């Protein structure tokens, strides 16, 4: 199955829950925001969100810092 993550193609073996997908890719779900096919997934809905063949994901890591 093929998905696109942050603009790059990626292969997955099967449809899977979002938390399992993130864990398989070494991503701590507590530290990211995720959109699937352009829809931002609220943290409270991560467990019910599924990553499916053909999906496009944007995974954004929170970075500290700012203007001086």
PDB file of N, CA and C in Angstrom:
ATOM      1  N   UNK A   1       0.847  -1.170   0.000  1.00  0.00           N
ATOM      2  CA  UNK A   1       0.000   0.000   0.000  1.00  0.00           C
ATOM      3  C   UNK A   1       0.893   1.233   0.000  1.00  0.00           C
ATOM      4  N   UNK A   2       0.472   2.240  -0.704  1.00  0.00           N
ATOM      5  CA  UNK A   2       1.291   3.446  -0.839  1.00  0.00           C
ATOM      6  C   UNK A   2       0.586   4.632  -0.196  1.00  0.00           C
ATOM      7  N   UNK A   3       1.344   5.386   0.584  1.00  0.00           N
ATOM      8  CA  UNK A   3       0.868   6.642   1.157  1.00  0.00           C
ATOM      9  C   UNK A   3       1.934   7.698   0.871  1.00  0.00           C
ATOM     10  N   UNK A   4       1.570   8.951   1.065  1.00  0.00           N
ATOM     11  CA  UNK A   4       2.528  10.046   0.923  1.00  0.00           C
ATOM     12  C   UNK A   4       2.630  10.737   2.274  1.00  0.00           C
ATOM     13  N   UNK A   5       3.858  10.851   2.777  1.00  0.00           N
ATOM     14  CA  UNK A   5       4.093  11.470   4.081  1.00  0.00           C
ATOM     15  C   UNK A   5       5.013  12.666   3.878  1.00  0.00           C
ATOM     16  N   UNK A   6       4.495  13.858   4.193  1.00  0.00           N
ATOM     17  CA  UNK A   6       5.258  15.094   4.032  1.00  0.00           C
ATOM     18  C   UNK A   6       5.861  15.203   2.632  1.00  0.00           C
ATOM     19  N   UNK A   7       5.043  14.834   1.629  1.00  0.00           N
ATOM     20  CA  UNK A   7       5.447  14.976   0.241  1.00  0.00           C
ATOM     21  C   UNK A   7       6.280  13.844  -0.317  1.00  0.00           C
ATOM     22  N   UNK A   8       6.600  12.823   0.497  1.00  0.00           N
ATOM     23  CA  UNK A   8       7.436  11.720   0.040  1.00  0.00           C
ATOM     24  C   UNK A   8       6.634  10.423   0.044  1.00  0.00           C
ATOM     25  N   UNK A   9       6.766   9.624  -1.033  1.00  0.00           N
ATOM     26  CA  UNK A   9       6.056   8.352  -1.063  1.00  0.00           C
ATOM     27  C   UNK A   9       6.586   7.404   0.003  1.00  0.00           C
ATOM     28  N   UNK A  10       5.694   6.607   0.553  1.00  0.00           N
ATOM     29  CA  UNK A  10       6.053   5.630   1.579  1.00  0.00           C
ATOM     30  C   UNK A  10       5.174   4.399   1.397  1.00  0.00           C
ATOM     31  N   UNK A  11       5.691   3.244   1.741  1.00  0.00           N
ATOM     32  CA  UNK A  11       4.944   1.991   1.642  1.00  0.00           C
ATOM     33  C   UNK A  11       4.537   1.524   3.034  1.00  0.00           C
ATOM     34  N   UNK A  12       3.310   1.020   3.142  1.00  0.00           N
ATOM     35  CA  UNK A  12       2.852   0.373   4.373  1.00  0.00           C
ATOM     36  C   UNK A  12       2.281  -0.983   3.988  1.00  0.00           C
ATOM     37  N   UNK A  13       2.340  -1.928   4.911  1.00  0.00           N
ATOM     38  CA  UNK A  13       1.875  -3.285   4.633  1.00  0.00           C
ATOM     39  C   UNK A  13       0.361  -3.391   4.596  1.00  0.00           C
ATOM     40  N   UNK A  14      -0.301  -2.559   5.421  1.00  0.00           N
ATOM     41  CA  UNK A  14      -1.739  -2.688   5.574  1.00  0.00           C
ATOM     42  C   UNK A  14      -2.312  -1.399   6.122  1.00  0.00           C
ATOM     43  N   UNK A  15      -3.624  -1.262   6.064  1.00  0.00           N
ATOM     44  CA  UNK A  15      -4.304  -0.155   6.725  1.00  0.00           C
ATOM     45  C   UNK A  15      -4.011  -0.259   8.212  1.00  0.00           C
ATOM     46  N   UNK A  16      -3.810   0.884   8.877  1.00  0.00           N
ATOM     47  CA  UNK A  16      -3.497   0.829  10.308  1.00  0.00           C
ATOM     48  C   UNK A  16      -3.975   2.070  11.030  1.00  0.00           C
ATOM     49  N   UNK A  17      -4.174   1.948  12.348  1.00  0.00           N
ATOM     50  CA  UNK A  17      -4.540   3.123  13.144  1.00  0.00           C
ATOM     51  C   UNK A  17      -3.400   4.146  13.110  1.00  0.00           C
ATOM     52  N   UNK A  18      -3.755   5.409  13.177  1.00  0.00           N
ATOM     53  CA  UNK A  18      -2.749   6.469  13.145  1.00  0.00           C
ATOM     54  C   UNK A  18      -1.666   6.287  14.199  1.00  0.00           C
ATOM     55  N   UNK A  19      -1.997   5.982  15.473  1.00  0.00           N
ATOM     56  CA  UNK A  19      -0.923   5.822  16.461  1.00  0.00           C
ATOM     57  C   UNK A  19       0.076   4.722  16.089  1.00  0.00           C
ATOM     58  N   UNK A  20      -0.404   3.623  15.521  1.00  0.00           N
ATOM     59  CA  UNK A  20       0.491   2.539  15.113  1.00  0.00           C
ATOM     60  C   UNK A  20       1.386   2.983  13.960  1.00  0.00           C
ATOM     61  N   UNK A  21       0.828   3.752  13.027  1.00  0.00           N
ATOM     62  CA  UNK A  21       1.615   4.276  11.914  1.00  0.00           C
ATOM     63  C   UNK A  21       2.729   5.179  12.424  1.00  0.00           C
ATOM     64  N   UNK A  22       2.372   6.091  13.325  1.00  0.00           N
ATOM     65  CA  UNK A  22       3.376   7.009  13.865  1.00  0.00           C
ATOM     66  C   UNK A  22       4.458   6.251  14.621  1.00  0.00           C
ATOM     67  N   UNK A  23       4.055   5.292  15.446  1.00  0.00           N
ATOM     68  CA  UNK A  23       5.028   4.497  16.211  1.00  0.00           C
ATOM     69  C   UNK A  23       5.965   3.730  15.273  1.00  0.00           C
ATOM     70  N   UNK A  24       5.419   3.151  14.213  1.00  0.00           N
ATOM     71  CA  UNK A  24       6.231   2.404  13.252  1.00  0.00           C
ATOM     72  C   UNK A  24       7.263   3.290  12.559  1.00  0.00           C
ATOM     73  N   UNK A  25       6.975   4.587  12.511  1.00  0.00           N
ATOM     74  CA  UNK A  25       7.903   5.532  11.890  1.00  0.00           C
ATOM     75  C   UNK A  25       8.738   6.303  12.921  1.00  0.00           C
ATOM     76  N   UNK A  26       8.709   5.847  14.173  1.00  0.00           N
ATOM     77  CA  UNK A  26       9.542   6.457  15.216  1.00  0.00           C
ATOM     78  C   UNK A  26       9.101   7.838  15.620  1.00  0.00           C
ATOM     79  N   UNK A  27       7.806   8.123  15.497  1.00  0.00           N
ATOM     80  CA  UNK A  27       7.275   9.449  15.810  1.00  0.00           C
ATOM     81  C   UNK A  27       6.460   9.381  17.095  1.00  0.00           C
ATOM     82  N   UNK A  28       6.755  10.259  18.034  1.00  0.00           N
ATOM     83  CA  UNK A  28       6.002  10.352  19.286  1.00  0.00           C
ATOM     84  C   UNK A  28       4.735  11.159  19.019  1.00  0.00           C
ATOM     85  N   UNK A  29       3.585  10.496  19.087  1.00  0.00           N
ATOM     86  CA  UNK A  29       2.302  11.135  18.761  1.00  0.00           C
ATOM     87  C   UNK A  29       2.017  12.347  19.634  1.00  0.00           C
ATOM     88  N   UNK A  30       2.606  12.411  20.823  1.00  0.00           N
ATOM     89  CA  UNK A  30       2.369  13.551  21.722  1.00  0.00           C
ATOM     90  C   UNK A  30       3.034  14.829  21.232  1.00  0.00           C
ATOM     91  N   UNK A  31       4.012  14.682  20.333  1.00  0.00           N
ATOM     92  CA  UNK A  31       4.826  15.832  19.930  1.00  0.00           C
ATOM     93  C   UNK A  31       4.576  16.303  18.505  1.00  0.00           C
ATOM     94  N   UNK A  32       3.502  15.806  17.883  1.00  0.00           N
ATOM     95  CA  UNK A  32       3.245  16.185  16.497  1.00  0.00           C
ATOM     96  C   UNK A  32       1.783  16.562  16.286  1.00  0.00           C
ATOM     97  N   UNK A  33       1.556  17.253  15.188  1.00  0.00           N
ATOM     98  CA  UNK A  33       0.206  17.485  14.674  1.00  0.00           C
ATOM     99  C   UNK A  33       0.136  16.733  13.352  1.00  0.00           C
ATOM    100  N   UNK A  34      -1.033  16.142  13.060  1.00  0.00           N
ATOM    101  CA  UNK A  34      -1.169  15.320  11.862  1.00  0.00           C
ATOM    102  C   UNK A  34      -2.409  15.736  11.076  1.00  0.00           C
ATOM    103  N   UNK A  35      -2.234  15.815   9.759  1.00  0.00           N
ATOM    104  CA  UNK A  35      -3.362  15.992   8.848  1.00  0.00           C
ATOM    105  C   UNK A  35      -3.365  14.802   7.897  1.00  0.00           C
ATOM    106  N   UNK A  36      -4.552  14.254   7.664  1.00  0.00           N
ATOM    107  CA  UNK A  36      -4.714  13.176   6.688  1.00  0.00           C
ATOM    108  C   UNK A  36      -5.624  13.701   5.589  1.00  0.00           C
ATOM    109  N   UNK A  37      -5.108  13.688   4.372  1.00  0.00           N
ATOM    110  CA  UNK A  37      -5.845  14.187   3.204  1.00  0.00           C
ATOM    111  C   UNK A  37      -6.366  15.605   3.439  1.00  0.00           C
ATOM    112  N   UNK A  38      -5.537  16.424   4.099  1.00  0.00           N
ATOM    113  CA  UNK A  38      -5.865  17.825   4.311  1.00  0.00           C
ATOM    114  C   UNK A  38      -6.708  18.118   5.537  1.00  0.00           C
ATOM    115  N   UNK A  39      -7.167  17.085   6.228  1.00  0.00           N
ATOM    116  CA  UNK A  39      -7.972  17.277   7.438  1.00  0.00           C
ATOM    117  C   UNK A  39      -7.109  17.091   8.681  1.00  0.00           C
ATOM    118  N   UNK A  40      -6.998  18.142   9.497  1.00  0.00           N
ATOM    119  CA  UNK A  40      -6.230  18.043  10.733  1.00  0.00           C
ATOM    120  C   UNK A  40      -6.980  17.115  11.690  1.00  0.00           C
ATOM    121  N   UNK A  41      -6.247  16.168  12.249  1.00  0.00           N
ATOM    122  CA  UNK A  41      -6.841  15.190  13.152  1.00  0.00           C
ATOM    123  C   UNK A  41      -6.650  15.674  14.587  1.00  0.00           C
ATOM    124  N   UNK A  42      -7.726  15.930  15.316  1.00  0.00           N
ATOM    125  CA  UNK A  42      -7.581  16.325  16.727  1.00  0.00           C
ATOM    126  C   UNK A  42      -6.934  15.192  17.529  1.00  0.00           C
ATOM    127  N   UNK A  43      -6.099  15.543  18.487  1.00  0.00           N
ATOM    128  CA  UNK A  43      -5.406  14.528  19.299  1.00  0.00           C
ATOM    129  C   UNK A  43      -6.368  13.499  19.865  1.00  0.00           C
ATOM    130  N   UNK A  44      -7.538  13.931  20.295  1.00  0.00           N
ATOM    131  CA  UNK A  44      -8.512  13.018  20.874  1.00  0.00           C
ATOM    132  C   UNK A  44      -9.081  12.016  19.880  1.00  0.00           C
ATOM    133  N   UNK A  45      -8.820  12.230  18.588  1.00  0.00           N
ATOM    134  CA  UNK A  45      -9.325  11.326  17.552  1.00  0.00           C
ATOM    135  C   UNK A  45      -8.228  10.477  16.912  1.00  0.00           C
ATOM    136  N   UNK A  46      -6.995  10.596  17.413  1.00  0.00           N
ATOM    137  CA  UNK A  46      -5.891   9.821  16.842  1.00  0.00           C
ATOM    138  C   UNK A  46      -6.204   8.323  16.861  1.00  0.00           C
ATOM    139  N   UNK A  47      -6.722   7.807  17.966  1.00  0.00           N
ATOM    140  CA  UNK A  47      -6.955   6.360  18.107  1.00  0.00           C
ATOM    141  C   UNK A  47      -7.954   5.843  17.077  1.00  0.00           C
ATOM    142  N   UNK A  48      -8.897   6.671  16.658  1.00  0.00           N
ATOM    143  CA  UNK A  48      -9.902   6.210  15.697  1.00  0.00           C
ATOM    144  C   UNK A  48      -9.538   6.534  14.251  1.00  0.00           C
ATOM    145  N   UNK A  49      -8.521   7.358  14.038  1.00  0.00           N
ATOM    146  CA  UNK A  49      -8.091   7.709  12.676  1.00  0.00           C
ATOM    147  C   UNK A  49      -7.324   6.539  12.067  1.00  0.00           C
ATOM    148  N   UNK A  50      -7.549   6.285  10.790  1.00  0.00           N
ATOM    149  CA  UNK A  50      -6.899   5.183  10.085  1.00  0.00           C
ATOM    150  C   UNK A  50      -6.061   5.725   8.933  1.00  0.00           C
ATOM    151  N   UNK A  51      -4.918   5.091   8.704  1.00  0.00           N
ATOM    152  CA  UNK A  51      -4.072   5.402   7.558  1.00  0.00           C
ATOM    153  C   UNK A  51      -4.363   4.323   6.518  1.00  0.00           C
ATOM    154  N   UNK A  52      -4.820   4.765   5.338  1.00  0.00           N
ATOM    155  CA  UNK A  52      -5.262   3.842   4.284  1.00  0.00           C
ATOM    156  C   UNK A  52      -4.461   4.059   3.004  1.00  0.00           C
ATOM    157  N   UNK A  53      -4.527   3.079   2.141  1.00  0.00           N
ATOM    158  CA  UNK A  53      -3.865   3.161   0.845  1.00  0.00           C
ATOM    159  C   UNK A  53      -4.262   4.448   0.127  1.00  0.00           C
ATOM    160  N   UNK A  54      -3.272   5.169  -0.381  1.00  0.00           N
ATOM    161  CA  UNK A  54      -3.510   6.385  -1.133  1.00  0.00           C
ATOM    162  C   UNK A  54      -3.607   7.657  -0.304  1.00  0.00           C
ATOM    163  N   UNK A  55      -3.585   7.532   1.026  1.00  0.00           N
ATOM    164  CA  UNK A  55      -3.686   8.714   1.885  1.00  0.00           C
ATOM    165  C   UNK A  55      -2.451   9.608   1.749  1.00  0.00           C
ATOM    166  N   UNK A  56      -2.676  10.897   1.982  1.00  0.00           N
ATOM    167  CA  UNK A  56      -1.597  11.881   2.062  1.00  0.00           C
ATOM    168  C   UNK A  56      -1.581  12.419   3.480  1.00  0.00           C
ATOM    169  N   UNK A  57      -0.444  12.261   4.148  1.00  0.00           N
ATOM    170  CA  UNK A  57      -0.295  12.722   5.530  1.00  0.00           C
ATOM    171  C   UNK A  57       0.703  13.863   5.609  1.00  0.00           C
ATOM    172  N   UNK A  58       0.415  14.789   6.468  1.00  0.00           N
ATOM    173  CA  UNK A  58       1.369  15.833   6.847  1.00  0.00           C
ATOM    174  C   UNK A  58       1.585  15.673   8.338  1.00  0.00           C
ATOM    175  N   UNK A  59       2.821  15.436   8.715  1.00  0.00           N
ATOM    176  CA  UNK A  59       3.181  15.263  10.121  1.00  0.00           C
ATOM    177  C   UNK A  59       4.107  16.416  10.483  1.00  0.00           C
ATOM    178  N   UNK A  60       3.664  17.244  11.423  1.00  0.00           N
ATOM    179  CA  UNK A  60       4.407  18.451  11.788  1.00  0.00           C
ATOM    180  C   UNK A  60       4.885  18.317  13.219  1.00  0.00           C
ATOM    181  N   UNK A  61       6.179  18.404  13.400  1.00  0.00           N
ATOM    182  CA  UNK A  61       6.776  18.353  14.740  1.00  0.00           C
ATOM    183  C   UNK A  61       6.790  19.747  15.339  1.00  0.00           C
ATOM    184  N   UNK A  62       6.527  19.807  16.630  1.00  0.00           N
ATOM    185  CA  UNK A  62       6.564  21.085  17.338  1.00  0.00           C
ATOM    186  C   UNK A  62       8.027  21.427  17.626  1.00  0.00           C
ATOM    187  N   UNK A  63       8.396  22.676  17.332  1.00  0.00           N
ATOM    188  CA  UNK A  63       9.766  23.126  17.528  1.00  0.00           C
ATOM    189  C   UNK A  63       9.737  24.385  18.390  1.00  0.00           C
ATOM    190  N   UNK A  64      10.537  24.397  19.438  1.00  0.00           N
ATOM    191  CA  UNK A  64      10.616  25.572  20.303  1.00  0.00           C
ATOM    192  C   UNK A  64      11.428  26.680  19.648  1.00  0.00           C
ATOM    193  N   UNK A  65      11.301  27.845  20.191  1.00  0.00           N
ATOM    194  CA  UNK A  65      12.042  28.986  19.667  1.00  0.00           C
ATOM    195  C   UNK A  65      11.101  30.115  19.374  1.00  0.00           C
ATOM    196  N   UNK A  66      11.612  31.094  18.698  1.00  0.00           N
ATOM    197  CA  UNK A  66      10.748  32.222  18.332  1.00  0.00           C
ATOM    198  C   UNK A  66      11.556  33.473  18.075  1.00  0.00           C
ATOM    199  N   UNK A  67      10.866  34.556  17.951  1.00  0.00           N
ATOM    200  CA  UNK A  67      11.506  35.836  17.672  1.00  0.00           C
ATOM    201  C   UNK A  67      12.222  36.352  18.912  1.00  0.00           C
ATOM    202  N   UNK A  68      13.236  37.137  18.677  1.00  0.00           N
ATOM    203  CA  UNK A  68      13.982  37.721  19.792  1.00  0.00           C
ATOM    204  C   UNK A  68      13.586  39.144  19.994  1.00  0.00           C
TER     205      UNK A  68
END
